[in-house]
Structure formats: C-alpha cells, structure tokens
Amino acid sequence: MKIDPRIQFPDDAQSGRVQGAGNGAPQTKASSAASGVSAPSGEDTVKLSSTHAEVHNLAAQLNNVPEVRAPRVAALQQRIRNGNFKPDTQKVADAIVADHSKQATKA
C-alpha cells in the first residue's frame, strides 16, 4: 500500500509535505529505525468475522419479507366490512402520541 504524501487531512497538525515521501527513493532500514517505523511485511490480510455472514443472511431474509402482510390486511378489511372491528381507542391514542414523540426527537 502506498500513501500519497499530497493528501492533507483537516485534523492533521503537519502543515508541510511528508519528509522524503515524494522523492521516489526507498527508505533504508537505518532511516526507518530512526523514524520509529517498522518495515512492512509485504502482505495484507483481512479477516471477516462470522457476524458479516450473519448480517448478509439476515439481509437476504429481509428481502423475502413482504412489505404488506396481505393476509392480515384482508382479515381486517373483512372485519371492518362486517362491522366486527372495534379498535381500542386508548391503544390508538397511545400509538399516535408515541409516533409523534418519536418523530419529534428525530427532528
């Protein structure tokens, strides 16, 4: 991996270029020891945890869940048509207040 010495990060206290980075000359062991930098092993490794696979599986399962639960909606529609649907007004009011509170905290 090469580091571009021209990149300046906002929180970087260093105002100038990295010393000796842009001249194309390889850094010797003596100079790297003096700067406190160890030589790279020449190998990059990446290890992904099992959490990555679990998240991937959950995302795939989520894609298979329908947006609307059609059987439940159909049953509720039937109850409304028959006049058998009697919502609990206290639960409805609590849900409205909770939803409003949640939206107010996001803003």
Protein backbone atom coordinates (compact mmCIF):
# COMPACT_ATOMS: atom_id res chain seq x y z
CA MET A 1 0.00 0.00 0.00
CA LYS A 2 1.34 3.39 -0.94
CA ILE A 3 0.49 6.58 0.91
CA ASP A 4 0.03 9.71 -1.15
CA PRO A 5 2.04 12.45 0.58
CA ARG A 6 -0.04 15.16 -1.11
CA ILE A 7 -3.19 14.29 0.86
CA GLN A 8 -3.81 16.72 3.71
CA PHE A 9 -6.38 15.77 6.35
CA PRO A 10 -8.30 18.52 8.16
CA ASP A 11 -7.19 17.39 11.64
CA ASP A 12 -3.58 16.92 10.58
CA ALA A 13 -1.26 19.24 12.50
CA GLN A 14 1.51 18.76 9.97
CA SER A 15 1.49 21.72 7.60
CA GLY A 16 4.09 20.61 5.05
CA ARG A 17 4.71 17.53 2.97
CA VAL A 18 5.89 14.31 4.49
CA GLN A 19 9.65 14.40 4.54
CA GLY A 20 11.29 12.12 2.00
CA ALA A 21 7.99 10.66 0.80
CA GLY A 22 7.87 12.14 -2.66
CA ASN A 23 11.43 11.61 -3.87
CA GLY A 24 10.87 8.05 -5.07
CA ALA A 25 13.84 6.72 -3.11
CA PRO A 26 13.15 3.71 -0.92
CA GLN A 27 13.53 4.26 2.79
CA THR A 28 16.50 2.44 4.23
CA LYS A 29 16.42 0.35 7.40
CA ALA A 30 18.52 2.93 9.20
CA SER A 31 16.17 5.77 8.35
CA SER A 32 13.06 3.72 9.19
CA ALA A 33 14.56 2.72 12.54
CA ALA A 34 15.36 6.35 13.26
CA SER A 35 11.79 7.39 12.43
CA GLY A 36 10.24 4.59 14.52
CA VAL A 37 8.51 2.99 11.54
CA SER A 38 8.86 -0.74 11.02
CA ALA A 39 9.22 -2.18 7.55
CA PRO A 40 6.04 -3.68 6.10
CA SER A 41 5.84 -7.44 5.81
CA GLY A 42 4.69 -7.14 2.18
CA GLU A 43 1.41 -8.89 2.93
CA ASP A 44 -2.03 -7.51 3.71
CA THR A 45 -4.55 -9.74 5.41
CA VAL A 46 -8.25 -9.36 6.05
CA LYS A 47 -10.30 -11.45 8.43
CA LEU A 48 -14.07 -11.14 8.40
CA SER A 49 -15.97 -12.31 11.42
CA SER A 50 -18.96 -14.61 11.35
CA THR A 51 -21.06 -11.52 12.03
CA HIS A 52 -20.59 -10.48 8.40
CA ALA A 53 -22.14 -13.74 7.18
CA GLU A 54 -24.97 -13.43 9.69
CA VAL A 55 -25.75 -9.87 8.58
CA HIS A 56 -25.69 -10.99 4.95
CA ASN A 57 -28.14 -13.84 5.71
CA LEU A 58 -30.46 -11.53 7.64
CA ALA A 59 -30.45 -9.01 4.79
CA ALA A 60 -31.37 -11.77 2.34
CA GLN A 61 -34.21 -12.92 4.62
CA LEU A 62 -35.45 -9.34 4.94
CA ASN A 63 -35.68 -9.06 1.16
CA ASN A 64 -38.08 -12.04 1.18
CA VAL A 65 -40.47 -10.48 3.74
CA PRO A 66 -43.40 -8.79 2.02
CA GLU A 67 -43.85 -5.09 2.64
CA VAL A 68 -47.53 -5.59 3.48
CA ARG A 69 -48.86 -8.60 5.37
CA ALA A 70 -51.66 -9.29 2.90
CA PRO A 71 -53.49 -11.99 4.92
CA ARG A 72 -53.70 -9.75 7.98
CA VAL A 73 -54.86 -6.76 5.92
CA ALA A 74 -57.53 -8.89 4.23
CA ALA A 75 -58.79 -10.18 7.59
CA LEU A 76 -59.01 -6.65 8.99
CA GLN A 77 -60.81 -5.41 5.88
CA GLN A 78 -63.34 -8.22 6.26
CA ARG A 79 -63.93 -7.37 9.94
CA ILE A 80 -64.47 -3.70 9.01
CA ARG A 81 -66.96 -4.63 6.27
CA ASN A 82 -68.87 -6.89 8.66
CA GLY A 83 -68.89 -4.26 11.41
CA ASN A 84 -66.93 -6.51 13.79
CA PHE A 85 -63.85 -4.31 14.06
CA LYS A 86 -63.81 -2.39 17.33
CA PRO A 87 -60.39 -0.75 17.84
CA ASP A 88 -59.23 0.05 21.37
CA THR A 89 -59.29 3.85 21.35
CA GLN A 90 -56.76 4.07 24.19
CA LYS A 91 -54.23 1.95 22.23
CA VAL A 92 -54.81 4.07 19.11
CA ALA A 93 -54.25 7.29 21.06
CA ASP A 94 -51.11 5.90 22.73
CA ALA A 95 -49.73 4.82 19.35
CA ILE A 96 -50.36 8.27 17.86
CA VAL A 97 -48.62 10.00 20.78
CA ALA A 98 -45.69 7.56 20.67
CA ASP A 99 -45.26 8.03 16.93
CA HIS A 100 -45.41 11.82 17.26
CA SER A 101 -42.84 11.75 20.08
CA LYS A 102 -40.52 9.56 18.03
CA GLN A 103 -40.74 11.90 15.04
CA ALA A 104 -40.18 14.95 17.25
CA THR A 105 -36.95 13.50 18.70
CA LYS A 106 -35.58 12.75 15.21
CA ALA A 107 -36.00 16.36 14.08
